[in-house]
Amino acid sequence: MANCIRCGRQLPPLTLGKKICQWCVQHEAAQHGELGEDEKQPVMAAPWVRRESSVTLTQVIFGANLMVFVAMVLASGPSLDFTGQVMVHFGANYGPFTLSGDWWRLATYMFLHRGFFHIAMNMWCLWNLGTLCESLYGRWTYAAVYLITGVAGGLASVAWNPGVLSVGASGAIFGLTGALIASFYLGEFSLSGISIKRTLSSLLFFVGFSVLFGSMVPGIDNACHAGGLVSGLILGALIARLAPEHDKPLRRAGILLFMVLIVGGSALGIHRWRGSGMHFGSAMDAQRNIDRMIGELKKKVQQSPQDASAHYALAHAYFAKRQFPEGDSELKRVLELEPQNARARMDLGAAYLSQEQPKEAQEEFTKLVAQEPNNPGAHAGLGMALADQQNHEAAINEYKTALRLEPQASGVYYRMGVSQTQLKRYDEAIASFLKERDENGDDAELEDALADAYAGKGMQQQAQDARNKAAQFKGQSTD
């Protein structure tokens, strides 16, 4: 049965030679003022709008992401920013584990997020792009596009840098974007030319802005975005050219199966390329048997001495075993290979702090601040290094910069309060400790520090109350 060439609505049977439906004919007449006063343009649902149920799949995916985020918050103490350990536990995509048999991480990682801002941005994009994609493709094609491109994004992340944790729905979101761009450009959807141009312009702007933002801001997994976008473009183009009709489910299923095979073949290739020296068994085995992990990573480094990701993974394996000098050496090697690797420099500075080498830590954090002046972690680390050398005035300035960049940074108000106490600025110290408690919760260490500040100011009752509260925390931690 033929469709209208302007709006895509199905034409009545036996409409030989006709290419435009009656609705479009009347709409054109209305635009030219040719309809009589007693004639009205009929109201017809747009052909791409479908009402399959009151609950959309986009809402289901949105809810699943929120539920996982709440579970991570509850498992973190609570906290709105999660450690690598928490993210790995919940299913983050991490090369040593994913390439060692935990392939399910390629699906679970897209439902995890690093913190509140991360999930807020991704869910805003998902709500807008997902709703559009679901209404145009239909529920099941939309679900397949989301999952396939999300997995493809995870594979690209592992291939590009297997030593980095990857979480977030952005790989799948970029997949939806790519599919929509290809489908609109190749003309799958019978929208007006103006609507198509506007939508395409918005999608292309989103991609361009995201690429620019990702190149300027550290910690963004651009490889995952690229993998999702490219796989979405391919999948959208195949659907638009070979199976645009919704009434031919077998043809669409064949295209989706073909794409699954492509992604699966890519996974095998990446495993052979990146995983040859990373056979750790399951994630739990890797955590229990650090010696084996170190041995396998050393083989990987010997086979590929220029592989910065292997050196990075080996450094953290050494740190897990508390072999700090060896870990420091591997991070230095990473920085020789990749001088702009901010994550490695941050970790090296933190390692120096844990080994009570504040001068070396100061040197690394100073380089990182010069490289990324808007990195709050770099300023906080530099502040800690300065404080460990009793340079509390300079430390406070770095802490203030870190808080200006990230007002809810965990632990920074506490560190600033300690330095203010050392300088006998007790009012400022008390305010910093109370701010830390309000922003990030309370614990025994914070109450002990608050007690010292109260005592320095001569507020003995408040100091005793804080010490009692600290004792309660300590008692709870030993139960």
Protein backbone atom coordinates (compact mmCIF):
# COMPACT_ATOMS: atom_id res chain seq x y z
CA MET A 1 0.00 0.00 0.00
CA ALA A 2 1.46 3.41 -1.02
CA ASN A 3 2.32 6.28 1.33
CA CYS A 4 1.96 10.02 0.86
CA ILE A 5 5.24 11.48 -0.35
CA ARG A 6 4.82 14.57 1.87
CA CYS A 7 3.67 13.32 5.25
CA GLY A 8 4.07 9.55 5.06
CA ARG A 9 0.46 8.72 5.89
CA GLN A 10 -0.87 5.60 4.27
CA LEU A 11 -2.95 6.25 1.13
CA PRO A 12 -6.34 4.54 0.68
CA PRO A 13 -6.51 1.38 -1.46
CA LEU A 14 -6.73 1.72 -5.25
CA THR A 15 -5.38 5.28 -5.30
CA LEU A 16 -3.69 4.78 -8.65
CA GLY A 17 -1.33 7.51 -9.67
CA LYS A 18 -1.87 9.55 -6.49
CA LYS A 19 1.21 10.48 -4.46
CA ILE A 20 -0.29 13.02 -2.01
CA CYS A 21 -2.98 12.23 0.57
CA GLN A 22 -6.18 14.22 0.96
CA TRP A 23 -4.95 15.77 4.22
CA CYS A 24 -1.92 17.29 2.50
CA VAL A 25 -4.08 18.54 -0.36
CA GLN A 26 -6.37 20.35 2.06
CA HIS A 27 -3.44 21.59 4.12
CA GLU A 28 -1.88 23.15 1.03
CA ALA A 29 -5.19 24.76 0.13
CA ALA A 30 -5.49 26.15 3.65
CA GLN A 31 -1.99 27.61 3.41
CA HIS A 32 -3.03 29.47 0.25
CA GLY A 33 -6.36 30.60 1.73
CA GLU A 34 -8.37 28.51 -0.71
CA LEU A 35 -10.62 26.74 1.85
CA GLY A 36 -14.13 28.01 2.32
CA GLU A 37 -15.33 29.32 5.66
CA ASP A 38 -17.34 26.15 6.26
CA GLU A 39 -14.39 23.90 5.45
CA LYS A 40 -11.99 22.84 8.21
CA GLN A 41 -8.66 21.10 8.06
CA PRO A 42 -9.19 17.59 9.49
CA VAL A 43 -7.18 16.69 12.59
CA MET A 44 -5.07 13.58 11.98
CA ALA A 45 -2.35 12.13 14.14
CA ALA A 46 1.14 12.53 12.75
CA PRO A 47 2.33 9.26 11.19
CA TRP A 48 5.37 8.92 13.45
CA VAL A 49 3.37 9.21 16.71
CA ARG A 50 2.54 5.86 18.34
CA ARG A 51 0.76 5.20 21.60
CA GLU A 52 1.77 1.69 22.56
CA SER A 53 1.18 2.12 26.29
CA SER A 54 1.03 4.76 28.99
CA VAL A 55 4.59 3.92 30.13
CA THR A 56 7.32 4.47 27.58
CA LEU A 57 10.58 2.56 27.35
CA THR A 58 12.45 5.84 27.83
CA GLN A 59 10.74 6.20 31.22
CA VAL A 60 11.72 2.64 32.11
CA ILE A 61 15.39 3.24 31.22
CA PHE A 62 15.32 6.57 33.04
CA GLY A 63 13.92 4.89 36.15
CA ALA A 64 16.47 2.06 36.02
CA ASN A 65 19.32 4.59 35.99
CA LEU A 66 17.85 6.44 38.96
CA MET A 67 17.34 3.21 40.94
CA VAL A 68 20.94 2.15 40.38
CA PHE A 69 22.15 5.61 41.38
CA VAL A 70 20.16 5.47 44.64
CA ALA A 71 21.60 2.02 45.37
CA MET A 72 25.13 3.36 44.83
CA VAL A 73 24.42 6.31 47.12
CA LEU A 74 23.22 3.97 49.88
CA ALA A 75 26.28 1.74 49.40
CA SER A 76 28.66 4.71 49.62
CA GLY A 77 27.93 5.97 53.05
CA PRO A 78 25.88 7.85 51.56
CA SER A 79 27.79 9.94 49.01
CA LEU A 80 26.90 11.59 45.70
CA ASP A 81 30.39 10.97 44.28
CA PHE A 82 31.54 7.38 44.05
CA THR A 83 34.93 5.73 44.41
CA GLY A 84 36.35 3.40 41.80
CA GLN A 85 35.79 0.47 44.15
CA VAL A 86 32.05 1.18 44.38
CA MET A 87 31.73 1.60 40.62
CA VAL A 88 33.60 -1.65 39.91
CA HIS A 89 31.39 -3.45 42.42
CA PHE A 90 28.23 -2.26 40.65
CA GLY A 91 29.52 -3.23 37.19
CA ALA A 92 31.73 -0.48 35.75
CA ASN A 93 33.46 -1.18 32.44
CA TYR A 94 37.13 -1.74 33.38
CA GLY A 95 39.55 -3.36 30.94
CA PRO A 96 41.32 -5.83 33.28
CA PHE A 97 37.95 -7.22 34.36
CA THR A 98 35.90 -6.85 31.17
CA LEU A 99 38.59 -8.42 28.99
CA SER A 100 39.06 -11.24 31.48
CA GLY A 101 35.55 -12.62 31.11
CA ASP A 102 33.25 -10.07 32.76
CA TRP A 103 31.65 -9.16 29.43
CA TRP A 104 28.40 -8.34 31.19
CA ARG A 105 30.08 -5.09 32.27
CA LEU A 106 29.56 -3.80 28.71
CA ALA A 107 25.84 -3.74 29.50
CA THR A 108 25.84 -2.75 33.18
CA TYR A 109 28.24 0.19 32.84
CA MET A 110 25.68 2.23 30.90
CA PHE A 111 23.35 2.29 33.93
CA LEU A 112 26.03 3.62 36.33
CA HIS A 113 27.18 7.21 36.89
CA ARG A 114 30.08 8.82 38.74
CA GLY A 115 28.05 11.41 40.61
CA PHE A 116 25.02 13.67 40.69
CA PHE A 117 26.09 16.06 37.92
CA HIS A 118 26.99 13.13 35.66
CA ILE A 119 23.60 11.43 35.96
CA ALA A 120 21.71 14.75 35.76
CA MET A 121 23.27 15.65 32.42
CA ASN A 122 22.86 12.18 30.94
CA MET A 123 19.26 11.80 32.06
CA TRP A 124 18.37 15.19 30.58
CA CYS A 125 19.81 14.10 27.23
CA LEU A 126 18.16 10.67 27.47
CA TRP A 127 14.73 12.14 28.17
CA ASN A 128 14.84 14.36 25.10
CA LEU A 129 16.63 12.13 22.59
CA GLY A 130 15.09 8.92 23.87
CA THR A 131 11.55 10.20 23.61
CA LEU A 132 12.13 11.35 20.03
CA CYS A 133 13.87 8.12 19.03
CA GLU A 134 11.22 5.89 20.60
CA SER A 135 8.37 7.75 18.92
CA LEU A 136 10.04 7.50 15.53
CA TYR A 137 11.47 3.97 15.63
CA GLY A 138 9.01 2.16 17.86
CA ARG A 139 9.73 0.54 21.20
CA TRP A 140 11.68 -2.58 20.27
CA THR A 141 13.87 -1.08 17.57
CA TYR A 142 14.64 1.77 19.95
CA ALA A 143 15.61 -0.69 22.71
CA ALA A 144 17.90 -2.57 20.34
CA VAL A 145 19.58 0.63 19.10
CA TYR A 146 20.14 1.79 22.68
CA LEU A 147 21.72 -1.46 23.87
CA ILE A 148 23.78 -2.24 20.76
CA THR A 149 25.30 1.23 20.52
CA GLY A 150 25.87 1.34 24.28
CA VAL A 151 27.85 -1.92 24.10
CA ALA A 152 29.76 -0.58 21.07
CA GLY A 153 30.68 2.52 23.07
CA GLY A 154 31.94 0.36 25.93
CA LEU A 155 34.08 -1.68 23.53
CA ALA A 156 35.59 1.49 22.08
CA SER A 157 36.44 2.66 25.59
CA VAL A 158 38.17 -0.62 26.44
CA ALA A 159 40.04 -0.61 23.15
CA TRP A 160 41.26 2.98 23.51
CA ASN A 161 42.24 2.86 27.18
CA PRO A 162 41.58 -0.41 29.04
CA GLY A 163 43.07 0.94 32.27
CA VAL A 164 40.33 3.55 32.76
CA LEU A 165 36.98 3.01 34.49
CA SER A 166 34.06 3.80 32.21
CA VAL A 167 30.49 4.42 33.41
CA GLY A 168 27.48 6.31 32.11
CA ALA A 169 24.65 6.25 29.61
CA SER A 170 26.39 8.68 27.25
CA GLY A 171 27.68 5.94 24.91
CA ALA A 172 24.11 4.79 24.25
CA ILE A 173 22.87 8.40 24.08
CA PHE A 174 25.45 9.15 21.37
CA GLY A 175 24.26 5.97 19.65
CA LEU A 176 20.71 7.31 19.56
CA THR A 177 22.04 10.60 18.22
CA GLY A 178 23.95 8.87 15.42
CA ALA A 179 20.95 6.74 14.46
CA LEU A 180 18.69 9.78 14.29
CA ILE A 181 21.17 11.79 12.22
CA ALA A 182 21.54 8.96 9.69
CA SER A 183 17.81 8.30 9.50
CA PHE A 184 16.82 11.93 9.06
CA TYR A 185 19.57 12.58 6.53
CA LEU A 186 18.69 9.52 4.47
CA GLY A 187 14.99 10.32 4.63
CA GLU A 188 13.47 7.47 6.61
CA PHE A 189 10.89 9.66 8.35
CA SER A 190 8.29 11.53 6.35
CA LEU A 191 8.51 14.82 8.18
CA SER A 192 8.40 18.23 6.58
CA GLY A 193 11.67 19.54 5.19
CA ILE A 194 11.73 22.33 7.78
CA SER A 195 11.25 19.89 10.67
CA ILE A 196 14.02 17.66 9.38
CA LYS A 197 16.45 20.56 8.97
CA ARG A 198 15.74 21.87 12.45
CA THR A 199 16.11 18.48 14.08
CA LEU A 200 19.29 17.69 12.17
CA SER A 201 20.76 21.06 13.12
CA SER A 202 20.01 20.41 16.80
CA LEU A 203 21.55 16.93 16.68
CA LEU A 204 24.67 18.12 14.88
CA PHE A 205 25.06 20.99 17.34
CA PHE A 206 24.79 18.51 20.23
CA VAL A 207 27.52 16.32 18.73
CA GLY A 208 29.79 19.28 17.99
CA PHE A 209 29.37 20.80 21.43
CA SER A 210 29.98 17.43 23.12
CA VAL A 211 33.18 16.85 21.14
CA LEU A 212 34.46 20.33 22.03
CA PHE A 213 33.47 19.95 25.67
CA GLY A 214 35.08 16.50 25.87
CA SER A 215 38.34 17.79 24.43
CA MET A 216 38.55 20.58 27.02
CA VAL A 217 37.34 18.89 30.22
CA PRO A 218 39.35 16.04 31.78
CA GLY A 219 37.77 12.75 32.78
CA ILE A 220 35.31 12.47 29.86
CA ASP A 221 35.37 9.15 28.01
CA ASN A 222 35.51 10.45 24.44
CA ALA A 223 36.26 6.99 23.05
CA CYS A 224 32.94 5.71 24.42
CA HIS A 225 31.11 8.67 22.84
CA ALA A 226 32.81 8.03 19.50
CA GLY A 227 32.01 4.30 19.56
CA GLY A 228 28.35 4.95 20.32
CA LEU A 229 28.05 7.67 17.67
CA VAL A 230 29.69 5.69 14.86
CA SER A 231 27.72 2.51 15.58
CA GLY A 232 24.52 4.59 15.73
CA LEU A 233 25.25 6.19 12.37
CA ILE A 234 25.79 2.77 10.80
CA LEU A 235 22.70 1.24 12.38
CA GLY A 236 20.49 4.21 11.53
CA ALA A 237 21.69 4.19 7.92
CA LEU A 238 20.99 0.47 7.54
CA ILE A 239 17.48 0.82 8.93
CA ALA A 240 16.72 3.87 6.79
CA ARG A 241 17.89 2.23 3.57
CA LEU A 242 16.86 -1.38 4.06
CA ALA A 243 13.98 -1.48 6.53
CA PRO A 244 12.21 1.87 6.96
CA GLU A 245 8.78 0.23 7.13
CA HIS A 246 7.47 -0.78 10.55
CA ASP A 247 5.32 -3.53 9.08
CA LYS A 248 8.37 -5.60 8.09
CA PRO A 249 9.74 -6.74 11.46
CA LEU A 250 11.79 -9.64 10.04
CA ARG A 251 13.83 -7.31 7.87
CA ARG A 252 14.50 -5.02 10.80
CA ALA A 253 15.39 -7.97 13.00
CA GLY A 254 17.87 -9.13 10.37
CA ILE A 255 19.59 -5.73 10.37
CA LEU A 256 19.77 -5.67 14.15
CA LEU A 257 21.18 -9.21 14.21
CA PHE A 258 23.77 -8.23 11.60
CA MET A 259 24.84 -5.31 13.79
CA VAL A 260 25.05 -7.59 16.84
CA LEU A 261 27.41 -9.85 14.88
CA ILE A 262 29.54 -6.85 13.89
CA VAL A 263 29.80 -5.69 17.49
CA GLY A 264 30.51 -9.24 18.68
CA GLY A 265 33.27 -9.62 16.09
CA SER A 266 34.75 -6.32 17.23
CA ALA A 267 34.74 -7.59 20.81
CA LEU A 268 36.75 -10.66 19.79
CA GLY A 269 39.24 -8.49 17.92
CA ILE A 270 39.65 -6.12 20.87
CA HIS A 271 40.07 -9.05 23.24
CA ARG A 272 42.84 -10.47 21.05
CA TRP A 273 44.51 -7.06 20.79
CA ARG A 274 44.15 -5.69 24.31
CA GLY A 275 43.40 -8.74 26.40
CA SER A 276 46.31 -11.02 25.51
CA GLY A 277 48.17 -10.05 28.66
CA MET A 278 45.17 -9.47 30.91
CA HIS A 279 43.85 -12.94 31.68
CA PHE A 280 42.97 -12.47 35.32
CA GLY A 281 39.92 -14.72 35.55
CA SER A 282 36.91 -13.04 37.15
CA ALA A 283 37.00 -9.72 38.93
CA MET A 284 36.84 -11.41 42.30
CA ASP A 285 39.82 -13.61 41.40
CA ALA A 286 41.76 -10.52 40.39
CA GLN A 287 41.02 -8.85 43.69
CA ARG A 288 42.03 -11.90 45.69
CA ASN A 289 45.16 -12.68 43.73
CA ILE A 290 47.09 -9.45 43.25
CA ASP A 291 50.33 -11.36 42.70
CA ARG A 292 48.86 -13.07 39.67
CA MET A 293 47.56 -9.78 38.34
CA ILE A 294 51.00 -8.18 38.73
CA GLY A 295 52.63 -11.12 36.93
CA GLU A 296 50.23 -10.92 34.01
CA LEU A 297 50.57 -7.16 33.72
CA LYS A 298 54.37 -7.39 33.79
CA LYS A 299 54.14 -9.76 30.83
CA LYS A 300 51.88 -7.28 29.09
CA VAL A 301 54.36 -4.46 29.71
CA GLN A 302 57.21 -6.58 28.37
CA GLN A 303 55.22 -7.39 25.23
CA SER A 304 54.07 -3.78 24.72
CA PRO A 305 56.47 -1.43 26.54
CA GLN A 306 54.87 1.62 24.90
CA ASP A 307 51.37 0.73 26.16
CA ALA A 308 50.68 3.44 28.75
CA SER A 309 47.43 1.79 29.87
CA ALA A 310 49.29 -1.40 30.83
CA HIS A 311 51.80 0.58 32.91
CA TYR A 312 48.92 2.44 34.55
CA ALA A 313 47.10 -0.79 35.46
CA LEU A 314 50.36 -2.28 36.79
CA ALA A 315 50.92 0.79 38.97
CA HIS A 316 47.56 0.34 40.67
CA ALA A 317 48.16 -3.38 41.10
CA TYR A 318 51.37 -2.50 42.95
CA PHE A 319 49.51 0.05 45.07
CA ALA A 320 46.89 -2.59 45.95
CA LYS A 321 49.74 -4.67 47.37
CA ARG A 322 51.22 -1.56 49.03
CA GLN A 323 54.35 -1.73 46.89
CA PHE A 324 54.48 2.03 46.53
CA PRO A 325 57.96 2.54 45.00
CA GLU A 326 57.14 0.10 42.20
CA GLY A 327 53.77 1.79 41.65
CA ASP A 328 55.43 5.22 41.56
CA SER A 329 57.89 3.96 38.95
CA GLU A 330 55.09 2.71 36.69
CA LEU A 331 53.18 6.01 36.92
CA LYS A 332 56.35 7.88 36.01
CA ARG A 333 56.64 5.65 32.97
CA VAL A 334 53.04 6.50 32.02
CA LEU A 335 53.92 10.19 32.20
CA GLU A 336 57.00 9.65 30.05
CA LEU A 337 54.77 8.10 27.40
CA GLU A 338 51.86 10.52 27.89
CA PRO A 339 53.05 13.77 29.54
CA GLN A 340 49.50 15.21 29.44
CA ASN A 341 47.89 12.25 31.25
CA ALA A 342 46.18 14.16 34.07
CA ARG A 343 44.84 11.04 35.78
CA ALA A 344 48.31 9.50 36.09
CA ARG A 345 49.81 12.74 37.45
CA MET A 346 47.00 13.08 39.96
CA ASP A 347 47.52 9.50 41.13
CA LEU A 348 51.28 9.99 41.41
CA GLY A 349 50.79 13.10 43.56
CA ALA A 350 48.33 11.22 45.78
CA ALA A 351 50.79 8.32 46.10
CA TYR A 352 53.53 10.70 47.24
CA LEU A 353 51.17 12.14 49.86
CA SER A 354 50.38 8.67 51.21
CA GLN A 355 54.12 7.97 51.46
CA GLU A 356 54.71 11.24 53.35
CA GLN A 357 56.70 12.80 50.53
CA PRO A 358 55.00 16.23 50.38
CA LYS A 359 57.71 17.98 48.33
CA GLU A 360 57.44 15.41 45.55
CA ALA A 361 53.63 15.61 45.77
CA GLN A 362 53.78 19.41 45.54
CA GLU A 363 55.87 19.16 42.38
CA GLU A 364 53.36 16.85 40.66
CA PHE A 365 50.29 18.83 41.70
CA THR A 366 51.94 22.10 40.64
CA LYS A 367 52.50 20.64 37.17
CA LEU A 368 48.89 19.46 37.07
CA VAL A 369 47.55 22.89 38.10
CA ALA A 370 49.61 24.47 35.32
CA GLN A 371 48.22 21.91 32.86
CA GLU A 372 44.61 22.09 34.09
CA PRO A 373 44.03 25.28 36.12
CA ASN A 374 40.32 24.45 36.55
CA ASN A 375 40.90 20.99 38.04
CA PRO A 376 39.59 21.14 41.65
CA GLY A 377 41.34 17.90 42.62
CA ALA A 378 44.69 19.30 41.55
CA HIS A 379 44.25 22.39 43.75
CA ALA A 380 43.07 20.29 46.70
CA GLY A 381 46.05 17.94 46.32
CA LEU A 382 48.44 20.89 46.13
CA GLY A 383 46.86 22.30 49.28
CA MET A 384 47.43 19.03 51.13
CA ALA A 385 51.06 18.91 50.00
CA LEU A 386 51.61 22.49 51.21
CA ALA A 387 49.86 21.81 54.54
CA ASP A 388 52.07 18.76 55.14
CA GLN A 389 55.03 21.17 54.85
CA GLN A 390 53.37 23.55 57.37
CA ASN A 391 52.71 26.15 54.67
CA HIS A 392 49.13 26.54 55.84
CA GLU A 393 48.48 30.00 54.39
CA ALA A 394 49.26 28.84 50.86
CA ALA A 395 47.34 25.62 51.51
CA ILE A 396 44.20 27.55 52.47
CA ASN A 397 44.38 29.54 49.23
CA GLU A 398 44.51 26.29 47.22
CA TYR A 399 41.60 24.84 49.18
CA LYS A 400 39.54 27.96 48.48
CA THR A 401 40.28 27.65 44.76
CA ALA A 402 39.24 23.98 44.81
CA LEU A 403 35.96 24.89 46.54
CA ARG A 404 35.28 27.70 44.10
CA LEU A 405 35.59 25.17 41.27
CA GLU A 406 33.65 22.44 43.08
CA PRO A 407 31.71 23.79 46.10
CA GLN A 408 30.72 20.34 47.40
CA ALA A 409 34.15 18.70 47.12
CA SER A 410 34.35 16.09 49.85
CA GLY A 411 36.98 16.65 52.55
CA VAL A 412 38.25 20.03 51.35
CA TYR A 413 36.42 22.09 53.98
CA TYR A 414 37.80 19.69 56.61
CA ARG A 415 41.38 20.12 55.34
CA MET A 416 40.96 23.88 55.24
CA GLY A 417 39.64 23.84 58.80
CA VAL A 418 42.70 21.91 59.98
CA SER A 419 45.02 24.51 58.44
CA GLN A 420 42.98 27.35 59.93
CA THR A 421 43.22 25.71 63.34
CA GLN A 422 47.00 25.51 62.96
CA LEU A 423 47.02 29.25 62.27
CA LYS A 424 44.74 29.80 65.31
CA ARG A 425 41.93 31.18 63.18
CA TYR A 426 39.41 29.32 65.27
CA ASP A 427 36.25 31.06 64.06
CA GLU A 428 37.14 30.31 60.44
CA ALA A 429 38.08 26.73 61.35
CA ILE A 430 34.77 26.13 63.14
CA ALA A 431 32.86 27.52 60.15
CA SER A 432 34.82 25.22 57.77
CA PHE A 433 34.21 22.12 59.88
CA LEU A 434 30.50 22.86 60.18
CA LYS A 435 30.32 23.43 56.41
CA GLU A 436 32.01 20.07 55.83
CA ARG A 437 29.49 18.40 58.11
CA ASP A 438 26.56 20.03 56.31
CA GLU A 439 27.84 19.20 52.82
CA ASN A 440 29.31 15.72 53.26
CA GLY A 441 28.16 14.23 56.57
CA ASP A 442 29.72 13.69 59.96
CA ASP A 443 32.34 11.30 61.38
CA ALA A 444 34.65 10.91 64.38
CA GLU A 445 37.64 12.60 62.74
CA LEU A 446 35.61 15.68 61.89
CA GLU A 447 34.17 15.94 65.41
CA ASP A 448 37.64 15.60 66.97
CA ALA A 449 38.92 18.43 64.78
CA LEU A 450 35.88 20.55 65.65
CA ALA A 451 36.51 19.89 69.35
CA ASP A 452 40.09 21.18 69.01
CA ALA A 453 38.85 24.37 67.33
CA TYR A 454 36.21 24.92 70.03
CA ALA A 455 38.81 24.35 72.74
CA GLY A 456 41.23 26.81 71.11
CA LYS A 457 38.51 29.45 71.22
CA GLY A 458 37.74 28.65 74.87
CA MET A 459 34.31 27.10 74.16
CA GLN A 460 34.83 24.17 76.51
CA GLN A 461 31.23 22.91 76.61
CA GLN A 462 30.98 22.78 72.82
CA ALA A 463 34.39 21.10 72.69
CA GLN A 464 33.23 18.42 75.15
CA ASP A 465 30.03 17.86 73.19
CA ALA A 466 32.05 17.35 70.01
CA ARG A 467 34.38 14.88 71.76
CA ASN A 468 31.40 12.94 73.08
CA LYS A 469 29.98 12.79 69.58
CA ALA A 470 33.32 11.60 68.22
CA ALA A 471 33.38 8.85 70.86
CA GLN A 472 29.92 7.74 69.77
CA PHE A 473 31.10 7.44 66.17
CA LYS A 474 34.15 5.45 67.26
CA GLY A 475 31.94 3.13 69.32
CA GLN A 476 29.65 2.54 66.36
CA SER A 477 32.59 1.72 64.07
CA THR A 478 33.79 -1.05 66.39
CA ASP A 479 30.40 -2.80 66.66
